[in-house]
Amino acid sequence: MKLGMQSQKGNIVPFSINESKIVSLPNIVISTIESKRRVEELKTFVEEVMVKGVDYGLVDGFSKPTLLKPGAEKLCDVFGFSKTADVVNRIEQWESGIFAYEVKMTLIRKDNGLVEAEGLGSCNSKESSFQHQDPYTIVNTVLKMAKKRALIDAVLSATRSSGIFTQDIEDFPEEKTKASKGGGEQATKAQLQKIFRIVNEMDMPTDVAKELMKMTFGVEHSTQLTKKQASDFIQELLVLKEVRTMDEQNYIE
């Protein structure tokens, strides 16, 4: 007797290999109009409530602003998320001064207690931002940086705001040219002004800033930077500025 043509006996339903598989797709749970409304509300909140340079930053070479920690926390508040952080991996080599942490940030809705999103972030003491610092004095800073990256990752996912913001700037791979060989357009006046402003905000001595620039790009003066190099230098200064801010917070705590 062939399969698919067997008779039914004793309430036993025969299995047929000729039956086609049923494939179901998930239904859209909100309308297009509602989806657009939510996106517009988020954009309005960013434009009217969030502060440029505090909650998010703009860096030449990136089409979208980068979300910063204060901005991520504001979005958590407005969306009604509580957050918990768990260190899922850690390396603490006190003999060699190598420290690394991977953190998972969980965002939980305050109204119903359900998990809305999770984010991962990692940081280690060998990153370029820490290369001129004593590794034993930045352990807590490295951990806080990992937490911050996990928070931003989770917030971008939970708020569906990756279309507005990009990931944190220091998470982009650095493709730096060690020496200026005339390739690429010259740095713009706006870029140079931004470099000077960040250096002044950090109270960084001019000779220190020049030494950093020389070691990284092989140039003696900022006017010798290309647009790409200036953008990379701005990125590095912003990261260094945030690291210093975290160090100051650690000292106060």
Protein backbone atom coordinates (compact mmCIF):
# COMPACT_ATOMS: atom_id res chain seq x y z
CA MET A 1 0.00 0.00 0.00
CA LYS A 2 1.35 3.37 -0.98
CA LEU A 3 1.87 6.19 1.49
CA GLY A 4 -0.76 8.92 1.18
CA MET A 5 -3.39 6.39 0.05
CA GLN A 6 -3.65 4.32 3.21
CA SER A 7 -7.14 3.88 4.63
CA GLN A 8 -7.96 5.25 8.05
CA LYS A 9 -8.25 2.51 10.66
CA GLY A 10 -9.29 2.80 14.27
CA ASN A 11 -9.22 6.61 14.28
CA ILE A 12 -5.57 6.53 13.19
CA VAL A 13 -4.83 9.26 10.69
CA PRO A 14 -2.11 8.13 8.29
CA PHE A 15 0.91 10.32 7.58
CA SER A 16 1.35 11.40 4.03
CA ILE A 17 4.71 12.54 2.67
CA ASN A 18 2.88 14.43 -0.06
CA GLU A 19 1.39 16.99 2.31
CA SER A 20 2.83 20.44 1.71
CA LYS A 21 4.44 22.31 4.56
CA ILE A 22 2.54 25.27 5.93
CA VAL A 23 4.66 28.39 6.21
CA SER A 24 3.38 31.29 8.27
CA LEU A 25 4.87 34.76 8.44
CA PRO A 26 4.61 37.07 11.45
CA ASN A 27 1.89 39.67 11.23
CA ILE A 28 2.58 43.39 11.34
CA VAL A 29 1.36 44.42 14.78
CA ILE A 30 1.25 48.19 14.19
CA SER A 31 0.04 50.13 11.19
CA THR A 32 2.28 52.09 8.87
CA ILE A 33 0.70 55.31 10.11
CA GLU A 34 1.41 54.41 13.75
CA SER A 35 4.98 53.43 12.90
CA LYS A 36 5.58 56.77 11.17
CA ARG A 37 4.03 58.63 14.10
CA ARG A 38 6.42 56.98 16.57
CA VAL A 39 9.43 57.82 14.41
CA GLU A 40 8.33 61.45 14.13
CA GLU A 41 7.81 61.67 17.91
CA LEU A 42 11.34 60.38 18.47
CA LYS A 43 12.79 62.86 15.99
CA THR A 44 10.90 65.70 17.67
CA PHE A 45 12.23 64.65 21.09
CA VAL A 46 15.78 64.59 19.74
CA GLU A 47 15.44 68.02 18.15
CA GLU A 48 13.62 69.77 21.02
CA VAL A 49 14.92 68.09 24.18
CA MET A 50 18.31 66.54 23.51
CA VAL A 51 21.35 68.82 23.50
CA LYS A 52 23.96 68.74 20.76
CA GLY A 53 27.43 68.21 22.20
CA VAL A 54 26.01 66.76 25.42
CA ASP A 55 23.47 64.09 24.45
CA TYR A 56 24.82 63.45 20.97
CA GLY A 57 27.82 64.54 18.94
CA LEU A 58 28.59 65.35 15.32
CA VAL A 59 31.90 64.27 13.81
CA ASP A 60 33.05 64.99 10.26
CA GLY A 61 33.00 61.85 8.16
CA PHE A 62 29.88 60.40 9.81
CA SER A 63 26.49 60.95 8.18
CA LYS A 64 24.55 60.56 11.43
CA PRO A 65 25.20 61.95 14.92
CA THR A 66 26.64 59.61 17.52
CA LEU A 67 24.61 58.90 20.65
CA LEU A 68 26.41 59.74 23.90
CA LYS A 69 25.78 58.41 27.41
CA PRO A 70 23.67 61.38 28.68
CA GLY A 71 21.46 61.10 25.60
CA ALA A 72 21.06 57.34 26.07
CA GLU A 73 19.97 57.92 29.67
CA LYS A 74 17.44 60.56 28.58
CA LEU A 75 15.94 58.11 26.10
CA CYS A 76 15.69 55.50 28.86
CA ASP A 77 13.78 57.97 31.01
CA VAL A 78 11.35 59.10 28.30
CA PHE A 79 10.64 55.53 27.17
CA GLY A 80 10.24 54.31 30.75
CA PHE A 81 13.11 51.82 30.89
CA SER A 82 14.99 50.71 33.96
CA LYS A 83 18.41 49.19 33.36
CA THR A 84 20.60 46.50 34.86
CA ALA A 85 24.22 45.76 33.98
CA ASP A 86 25.96 42.39 34.26
CA VAL A 87 29.63 41.70 33.60
CA VAL A 88 29.55 38.58 31.42
CA ASN A 89 33.29 38.32 30.74
CA ARG A 90 36.32 39.80 32.45
CA ILE A 91 40.08 39.64 32.23
CA GLU A 92 42.08 41.04 35.13
CA GLN A 93 45.79 40.35 34.78
CA TRP A 94 47.29 42.40 37.57
CA GLU A 95 50.82 41.17 36.89
CA SER A 96 50.86 42.42 33.28
CA GLY A 97 48.40 45.29 33.69
CA ILE A 98 45.84 44.01 31.19
CA PHE A 99 42.17 44.51 31.99
CA ALA A 100 39.14 43.80 29.81
CA TYR A 101 35.41 43.66 30.45
CA GLU A 102 32.34 42.66 28.48
CA VAL A 103 29.05 43.91 29.86
CA LYS A 104 25.44 43.05 29.06
CA MET A 105 22.93 45.85 29.64
CA THR A 106 19.28 44.86 30.02
CA LEU A 107 16.50 47.42 29.57
CA ILE A 108 13.26 46.60 31.36
CA ARG A 109 9.92 48.33 30.86
CA LYS A 110 8.74 49.94 34.07
CA ASP A 111 5.06 49.56 33.17
CA ASN A 112 4.99 45.78 32.84
CA GLY A 113 8.43 44.48 33.92
CA LEU A 114 9.18 42.91 30.53
CA VAL A 115 12.63 42.95 28.96
CA GLU A 116 12.63 45.36 26.02
CA ALA A 117 16.20 44.93 24.77
CA GLU A 118 19.71 43.83 25.66
CA GLY A 119 22.99 45.35 24.58
CA LEU A 120 26.63 44.26 24.72
CA GLY A 121 29.65 46.45 25.24
CA SER A 122 33.33 45.75 25.82
CA CYS A 123 36.45 47.72 26.65
CA ASN A 124 40.06 46.89 27.44
CA SER A 125 43.09 48.70 28.79
CA LYS A 126 45.04 48.19 25.55
CA GLU A 127 42.82 50.54 23.55
CA SER A 128 44.50 53.59 22.05
CA SER A 129 42.61 55.92 24.40
CA PHE A 130 44.51 54.44 27.35
CA GLN A 131 47.94 53.94 25.80
CA HIS A 132 49.52 56.84 27.70
CA GLN A 133 47.97 56.01 31.08
CA ASP A 134 48.90 53.77 33.95
CA PRO A 135 46.68 50.68 33.48
CA TYR A 136 46.32 50.19 37.23
CA THR A 137 44.65 53.58 37.63
CA ILE A 138 42.01 53.09 34.92
CA VAL A 139 40.49 49.74 35.86
CA ASN A 140 37.19 51.29 36.94
CA THR A 141 37.19 53.58 33.91
CA VAL A 142 37.59 50.61 31.55
CA LEU A 143 34.63 48.91 33.23
CA LYS A 144 32.52 52.07 33.00
CA MET A 145 33.34 52.44 29.31
CA ALA A 146 32.15 48.87 28.70
CA LYS A 147 28.91 49.63 30.57
CA LYS A 148 28.39 52.80 28.57
CA ARG A 149 28.85 51.00 25.25
CA ALA A 150 26.43 48.28 26.33
CA LEU A 151 23.90 50.93 27.35
CA ILE A 152 24.08 52.71 24.00
CA ASP A 153 23.80 49.41 22.14
CA ALA A 154 20.68 48.50 24.13
CA VAL A 155 19.07 51.93 23.78
CA LEU A 156 19.55 52.04 20.01
CA SER A 157 17.84 48.67 19.81
CA ALA A 158 15.03 49.39 22.27
CA THR A 159 14.10 52.80 20.87
CA ARG A 160 14.61 51.82 17.23
CA SER A 161 16.74 54.94 16.87
CA SER A 162 19.61 53.51 14.81
CA GLY A 163 18.13 55.37 11.85
CA ILE A 164 18.80 58.64 13.68
CA PHE A 165 22.00 57.87 15.56
CA THR A 166 25.07 55.87 14.75
CA GLN A 167 26.97 53.72 17.21
CA ASP A 168 29.43 55.33 19.60
CA ILE A 169 32.31 56.98 17.72
CA GLU A 170 35.14 55.18 19.47
CA ASP A 171 33.66 51.84 18.41
CA PHE A 172 34.51 52.48 14.76
CA PRO A 173 37.72 50.86 13.56
CA GLU A 174 40.49 53.42 13.28
CA GLU A 175 42.14 53.54 9.87
CA LYS A 176 44.74 56.19 10.56
CA THR A 177 47.48 57.26 8.22
CA LYS A 178 50.71 57.50 10.14
CA ALA A 179 52.25 60.12 7.92
CA SER A 180 50.88 62.88 5.74
CA LYS A 181 52.06 62.38 2.15
CA GLY A 182 49.86 64.96 0.50
CA GLY A 183 47.06 62.49 -0.14
CA GLY A 184 43.50 63.68 0.44
CA GLU A 185 42.02 67.13 0.85
CA GLN A 186 43.37 69.49 3.48
CA ALA A 187 41.56 69.77 6.80
CA THR A 188 38.80 72.36 6.83
CA LYS A 189 38.78 75.50 8.95
CA ALA A 190 35.79 74.12 10.88
CA GLN A 191 37.72 70.94 11.69
CA LEU A 192 40.74 72.89 12.95
CA GLN A 193 38.52 75.13 15.08
CA LYS A 194 36.89 72.06 16.59
CA ILE A 195 40.30 70.57 17.43
CA PHE A 196 41.36 73.78 19.19
CA ARG A 197 38.06 73.96 21.08
CA ILE A 198 38.27 70.39 22.38
CA VAL A 199 41.93 70.85 23.39
CA ASN A 200 41.01 74.03 25.30
CA GLU A 201 38.03 72.36 26.98
CA MET A 202 40.35 69.64 28.30
CA ASP A 203 42.98 72.17 29.40
CA MET A 204 45.45 70.13 27.39
CA PRO A 205 48.83 71.84 26.93
CA THR A 206 49.52 72.74 23.31
CA ASP A 207 52.78 70.78 23.25
CA VAL A 208 50.95 67.64 24.43
CA ALA A 209 48.36 67.99 21.66
CA LYS A 210 51.13 68.48 19.10
CA GLU A 211 52.98 65.42 20.36
CA LEU A 212 49.82 63.30 20.06
CA MET A 213 49.31 64.57 16.53
CA LYS A 214 52.93 63.90 15.58
CA MET A 215 52.94 60.35 17.00
CA THR A 216 49.65 59.46 15.31
CA PHE A 217 49.88 61.20 11.94
CA GLY A 218 53.51 62.27 11.59
CA VAL A 219 52.72 65.98 11.16
CA GLU A 220 54.10 68.97 13.06
CA HIS A 221 51.09 71.28 12.78
CA SER A 222 47.33 70.86 12.52
CA THR A 223 47.25 72.69 9.19
CA GLN A 224 49.15 69.73 7.70
CA LEU A 225 46.33 67.32 8.51
CA THR A 226 44.07 65.95 5.80
CA LYS A 227 40.29 66.01 6.25
CA LYS A 228 40.34 62.29 7.13
CA GLN A 229 43.17 62.71 9.63
CA ALA A 230 41.48 65.73 11.23
CA SER A 231 38.27 63.74 11.61
CA ASP A 232 40.21 60.86 13.21
CA PHE A 233 42.02 63.28 15.54
CA ILE A 234 38.72 64.87 16.62
CA GLN A 235 37.37 61.41 17.33
CA GLU A 236 40.41 60.51 19.43
CA LEU A 237 40.23 63.79 21.38
CA LEU A 238 36.52 63.29 22.13
CA VAL A 239 37.21 59.80 23.44
CA LEU A 240 40.10 61.06 25.53
CA LYS A 241 37.90 63.85 26.88
CA GLU A 242 35.26 61.34 27.96
CA VAL A 243 37.88 59.13 29.59
CA ARG A 244 39.15 62.10 31.59
CA THR A 245 35.59 62.94 32.65
CA MET A 246 35.12 59.38 33.89
CA ASP A 247 38.41 59.56 35.78
CA GLU A 248 37.24 62.73 37.50
CA GLN A 249 33.93 61.06 38.43
CA ASN A 250 35.84 58.09 39.85
CA TYR A 251 37.96 60.45 41.95
CA ILE A 252 34.84 62.17 43.32
CA GLU A 253 33.21 58.83 44.10
